[in-house]
Amino acid sequence: MSLPLFSQTLLGCRKQRARHTFQKASYLAQDIEKTLIKRLPKNRENLNRILIIGCPAGLPQIHLKGVVIDVFDPFLGERFVENNLPFQDNHYDLILEGFVFHWLNDPLGYLRDIKRLLKSGGLYLSGFLGGTTLTEMRQALLKTDIDLYGGAFARVSPMIKPEAATRLLQSAGFKDAVVDHEEIGVSYPRIKALIQDLRAMGESNALRDQRSPKISKDYFERAQQNYFSLFPQKDDTLVATFDLVHMIGWSS
């Protein structure tokens, strides 16, 4: 069995720390949650039991006000919870999940758990960061590590590609699986501003392998230079790509 990619304890700490700062940098979660809301079934007469997982901007919770829902925050405790979700089997007509899936160590096991909670014919909607997210930052930091240390270090999480997400849904037994994605570019004045926003979201590095050298002032300056050199912009800002991936699957 392979070792976990992410540290659940470190991730829990990151998310706990971000509880006081998240709303200042909630734009990605809001985009994801707005799309989840748009994809809710128009006919909701049969949606008697709904589970919301994650969705830290709180938009689905507000939209579904008046409907009986359960809300589960997997980041609430000291450790991120992704296995053995504490709910009844065959209990939910709809599970909405946002801003969670990209942190899973075992996405297939998690999807099987989600399917276990759904009634026959139940719907699963998910939105997460994947694909080409932070591709510019990944390349700029890689070049900086090579420049300063002569080798590469793990600083940015690997991302689940849309085609891999489709295979995961199918392997977990979901039918009529559909995955699509949208790339957006967000401008920042400097790389430090991007990193500050990631920290405010609780989205900074939570990889289990933390052997990379600490980021110093000199490192920041070199990374900034490399970012601008690799991805120049006319207005001297830097642009970060975020790939918003959405999944739909039905329980058989």
Protein backbone atom coordinates (compact mmCIF):
# COMPACT_ATOMS: atom_id res chain seq x y z
CA MET A 1 0.00 0.00 0.00
CA SER A 2 1.41 3.42 -0.96
CA LEU A 3 2.07 6.06 1.68
CA PRO A 4 -0.46 8.91 2.01
CA LEU A 5 0.35 11.92 -0.14
CA PHE A 6 -1.04 14.48 2.31
CA SER A 7 -0.62 14.85 6.06
CA GLN A 8 -4.14 14.83 7.51
CA THR A 9 -2.85 16.45 10.71
CA LEU A 10 -1.02 19.23 8.89
CA LEU A 11 -4.02 19.81 6.63
CA GLY A 12 -6.28 20.03 9.68
CA CYS A 13 -3.96 22.65 11.18
CA ARG A 14 -3.91 24.63 7.92
CA LYS A 15 -7.71 24.69 7.75
CA GLN A 16 -8.13 25.54 11.44
CA ARG A 17 -5.75 28.47 11.07
CA ALA A 18 -7.68 29.67 8.00
CA ARG A 19 -11.04 29.85 9.78
CA HIS A 20 -10.38 33.49 10.69
CA THR A 21 -9.07 34.49 7.25
CA PHE A 22 -11.03 32.39 4.77
CA GLN A 23 -13.72 34.92 3.90
CA LYS A 24 -11.02 37.37 2.75
CA ALA A 25 -9.97 34.90 0.05
CA SER A 26 -13.09 32.82 -0.60
CA TYR A 27 -13.37 33.62 -4.32
CA LEU A 28 -12.42 30.14 -5.57
CA ALA A 29 -14.78 28.36 -3.19
CA GLN A 30 -17.54 30.78 -4.15
CA ASP A 31 -17.04 30.06 -7.86
CA ILE A 32 -17.18 26.32 -7.23
CA GLU A 33 -20.25 26.55 -5.00
CA LYS A 34 -22.14 28.80 -7.44
CA THR A 35 -21.67 26.14 -10.11
CA LEU A 36 -22.86 23.41 -7.74
CA ILE A 37 -26.03 25.42 -7.09
CA LYS A 38 -26.63 25.88 -10.83
CA ARG A 39 -26.43 22.12 -11.28
CA LEU A 40 -28.99 21.25 -8.64
CA PRO A 41 -31.98 19.38 -10.12
CA LYS A 42 -34.80 21.73 -11.10
CA ASN A 43 -37.35 19.28 -9.73
CA ARG A 44 -36.49 18.95 -6.05
CA GLU A 45 -39.63 17.26 -4.81
CA ASN A 46 -37.76 14.01 -4.21
CA LEU A 47 -34.76 15.60 -2.51
CA ASN A 48 -35.83 14.85 1.03
CA ARG A 49 -32.41 14.13 2.52
CA ILE A 50 -29.38 16.20 1.52
CA LEU A 51 -25.81 16.08 2.77
CA ILE A 52 -23.39 18.98 2.20
CA ILE A 53 -19.69 18.20 2.61
CA GLY A 54 -17.24 21.08 2.80
CA CYS A 55 -18.53 24.08 0.81
CA PRO A 56 -16.74 26.53 3.14
CA ALA A 57 -18.18 29.67 1.53
CA GLY A 58 -21.60 28.46 2.68
CA LEU A 59 -23.52 29.25 -0.52
CA PRO A 60 -25.39 25.91 -0.90
CA GLN A 61 -26.35 26.05 2.78
CA ILE A 62 -27.96 29.47 2.19
CA HIS A 63 -29.56 28.44 -1.11
CA LEU A 64 -31.13 25.32 0.39
CA LYS A 65 -32.43 27.10 3.47
CA GLY A 66 -35.74 25.58 4.48
CA VAL A 67 -34.74 22.13 3.21
CA VAL A 68 -33.67 19.45 5.68
CA ILE A 69 -29.92 19.12 5.22
CA ASP A 70 -26.97 17.68 7.10
CA VAL A 71 -23.68 19.58 6.91
CA PHE A 72 -20.32 17.87 7.41
CA ASP A 73 -17.05 19.75 7.67
CA PRO A 74 -14.23 17.21 7.23
CA PHE A 75 -11.71 19.83 8.40
CA LEU A 76 -13.44 20.59 11.71
CA GLY A 77 -11.21 18.50 13.97
CA GLU A 78 -7.46 18.28 14.37
CA ARG A 79 -7.24 15.83 11.46
CA PHE A 80 -8.88 15.86 8.04
CA VAL A 81 -11.59 13.17 7.87
CA GLU A 82 -11.92 11.40 4.51
CA ASN A 83 -12.71 7.79 5.42
CA ASN A 84 -15.70 6.15 7.09
CA LEU A 85 -17.94 9.20 6.88
CA PRO A 86 -20.21 9.11 9.96
CA PHE A 87 -23.59 8.76 8.27
CA GLN A 88 -26.17 6.05 7.53
CA ASP A 89 -25.96 3.85 4.47
CA ASN A 90 -28.53 4.46 1.70
CA HIS A 91 -29.70 7.62 3.45
CA TYR A 92 -29.31 10.60 1.09
CA ASP A 93 -31.02 11.67 -2.13
CA LEU A 94 -28.30 14.24 -2.84
CA ILE A 95 -24.73 14.81 -1.69
CA LEU A 96 -23.10 18.16 -2.51
CA GLU A 97 -19.37 18.42 -1.90
CA GLY A 98 -17.17 21.43 -2.53
CA PHE A 99 -13.51 22.37 -2.05
CA VAL A 100 -12.60 18.98 -0.55
CA PHE A 101 -11.80 16.39 -3.22
CA HIS A 102 -8.34 17.71 -4.14
CA TRP A 103 -7.08 16.92 -0.61
CA LEU A 104 -7.96 13.22 -0.61
CA ASN A 105 -5.30 10.57 -0.09
CA ASP A 106 -7.69 7.85 -1.28
CA PRO A 107 -10.17 9.42 -3.73
CA LEU A 108 -11.51 6.05 -4.91
CA GLY A 109 -12.18 4.88 -1.36
CA TYR A 110 -13.85 8.20 -0.61
CA LEU A 111 -16.13 7.92 -3.66
CA ARG A 112 -17.14 4.42 -2.65
CA ASP A 113 -18.00 5.83 0.77
CA ILE A 114 -20.10 8.57 -0.86
CA LYS A 115 -21.93 5.97 -2.93
CA ARG A 116 -22.59 3.97 0.23
CA LEU A 117 -24.42 6.96 1.73
CA LEU A 118 -26.59 7.59 -1.32
CA LYS A 119 -29.95 6.00 -1.94
CA SER A 120 -30.46 4.15 -5.21
CA GLY A 121 -30.82 6.86 -7.83
CA GLY A 122 -29.16 9.42 -5.56
CA LEU A 123 -27.08 12.25 -7.03
CA TYR A 124 -23.51 13.28 -6.20
CA LEU A 125 -22.24 16.75 -7.18
CA SER A 126 -18.65 17.76 -6.51
CA GLY A 127 -16.40 20.72 -7.29
CA PHE A 128 -12.68 20.95 -6.59
CA LEU A 129 -9.32 22.34 -7.73
CA GLY A 130 -7.58 20.06 -10.21
CA GLY A 131 -5.96 19.80 -13.62
CA THR A 132 -3.73 22.78 -14.38
CA THR A 133 -4.22 24.57 -11.05
CA LEU A 134 -1.12 26.58 -10.08
CA THR A 135 0.83 25.32 -13.09
CA GLU A 136 2.73 28.62 -13.35
CA MET A 137 3.69 28.58 -9.68
CA ARG A 138 4.74 24.95 -9.91
CA GLN A 139 7.11 25.71 -12.80
CA ALA A 140 8.48 28.91 -11.23
CA LEU A 141 9.25 27.18 -7.92
CA LEU A 142 10.78 24.20 -9.72
CA LYS A 143 13.15 26.51 -11.58
CA THR A 144 13.95 28.36 -8.35
CA ASP A 145 14.80 25.13 -6.52
CA ILE A 146 17.08 24.07 -9.36
CA ASP A 147 18.72 27.51 -9.46
CA LEU A 148 19.36 27.68 -5.71
CA TYR A 149 19.64 24.05 -4.61
CA GLY A 150 20.39 22.08 -7.76
CA GLY A 151 17.30 19.88 -7.47
CA ALA A 152 13.51 19.77 -7.26
CA PHE A 153 11.37 19.67 -4.12
CA ALA A 154 7.67 18.99 -3.52
CA ARG A 155 6.10 22.41 -2.92
CA VAL A 156 2.80 22.31 -4.85
CA SER A 157 0.24 19.51 -4.61
CA PRO A 158 -0.23 17.21 -7.60
CA MET A 159 -3.65 17.73 -9.14
CA ILE A 160 -6.30 15.27 -10.29
CA LYS A 161 -6.95 15.70 -14.01
CA PRO A 162 -10.55 15.74 -15.30
CA GLU A 163 -10.08 12.50 -17.25
CA ALA A 164 -8.75 10.79 -14.10
CA ALA A 165 -11.79 12.04 -12.17
CA THR A 166 -14.07 10.39 -14.74
CA ARG A 167 -12.28 7.07 -14.31
CA LEU A 168 -12.53 7.35 -10.52
CA LEU A 169 -16.30 7.92 -10.65
CA GLN A 170 -16.75 4.94 -12.95
CA SER A 171 -14.50 2.71 -10.83
CA ALA A 172 -16.52 3.62 -7.74
CA GLY A 173 -19.69 2.42 -9.48
CA PHE A 174 -21.38 5.71 -10.34
CA LYS A 175 -23.45 5.73 -13.52
CA ASP A 176 -23.85 8.53 -16.06
CA ALA A 177 -20.62 10.08 -14.76
CA VAL A 178 -19.89 13.52 -16.19
CA VAL A 179 -16.78 15.61 -15.50
CA ASP A 180 -16.07 19.06 -16.90
CA HIS A 181 -13.74 21.87 -15.96
CA GLU A 182 -13.11 25.59 -16.36
CA GLU A 183 -9.74 27.30 -16.19
CA ILE A 184 -9.68 30.79 -14.70
CA GLY A 185 -6.76 33.18 -14.31
CA VAL A 186 -6.35 35.32 -11.20
CA SER A 187 -3.92 38.26 -11.16
CA TYR A 188 -1.65 39.06 -8.22
CA PRO A 189 0.87 41.89 -7.78
CA ARG A 190 3.57 39.54 -6.49
CA ILE A 191 4.06 35.85 -5.72
CA LYS A 192 3.89 36.65 -2.01
CA ALA A 193 0.30 37.88 -2.46
CA LEU A 194 -0.63 34.58 -4.12
CA ILE A 195 0.91 32.58 -1.28
CA GLN A 196 -0.84 34.76 1.30
CA ASP A 197 -4.21 34.07 -0.35
CA LEU A 198 -3.52 30.33 -0.43
CA ARG A 199 -2.73 30.44 3.28
CA ALA A 200 -5.88 32.46 3.97
CA MET A 201 -7.89 29.73 2.20
CA GLY A 202 -6.10 26.94 4.09
CA GLU A 203 -4.81 25.75 0.71
CA SER A 204 -1.05 25.97 1.29
CA ASN A 205 1.30 22.99 1.15
CA ALA A 206 0.09 20.05 3.25
CA LEU A 207 2.16 17.36 1.56
CA ARG A 208 3.41 14.64 3.85
CA ASP A 209 6.91 15.13 2.44
CA GLN A 210 8.05 18.41 4.02
CA ARG A 211 11.77 18.03 3.34
CA SER A 212 12.00 21.05 1.06
CA PRO A 213 14.17 23.96 2.29
CA LYS A 214 12.33 26.81 3.98
CA ILE A 215 11.32 29.74 1.81
CA SER A 216 13.64 32.67 2.54
CA LYS A 217 13.56 36.28 1.36
CA ASP A 218 16.16 35.42 -1.30
CA TYR A 219 14.03 32.47 -2.41
CA PHE A 220 10.96 34.73 -2.76
CA GLU A 221 12.91 37.21 -4.87
CA ARG A 222 14.28 34.52 -7.19
CA ALA A 223 10.85 32.85 -7.47
CA GLN A 224 9.32 36.23 -8.35
CA GLN A 225 11.92 36.75 -11.09
CA ASN A 226 11.37 33.26 -12.49
CA TYR A 227 7.58 33.64 -12.45
CA PHE A 228 7.76 36.90 -14.42
CA SER A 229 10.37 35.46 -16.78
CA LEU A 230 8.42 32.29 -17.55
CA PHE A 231 4.97 33.93 -17.69
CA PRO A 232 5.40 37.64 -18.52
CA GLN A 233 2.43 40.01 -18.34
CA LYS A 234 2.19 43.48 -19.88
CA ASP A 235 1.03 45.05 -16.60
CA ASP A 236 3.84 43.51 -14.51
CA THR A 237 1.44 41.39 -12.50
CA LEU A 238 1.53 37.61 -12.34
CA VAL A 239 -1.37 35.36 -13.28
CA ALA A 240 -2.17 32.07 -11.54
CA THR A 241 -4.32 29.44 -13.22
CA PHE A 242 -6.99 27.66 -11.20
CA ASP A 243 -8.73 24.72 -12.86
CA LEU A 244 -12.22 24.27 -11.38
CA VAL A 245 -13.28 20.66 -11.91
CA HIS A 246 -16.89 19.52 -11.48
CA MET A 247 -18.17 15.95 -11.22
CA ILE A 248 -21.66 14.50 -11.47
CA GLY A 249 -22.52 10.90 -10.76
CA TRP A 250 -25.66 8.89 -10.02
CA SER A 251 -25.89 5.99 -7.62
CA SER A 252 -27.20 2.84 -9.27
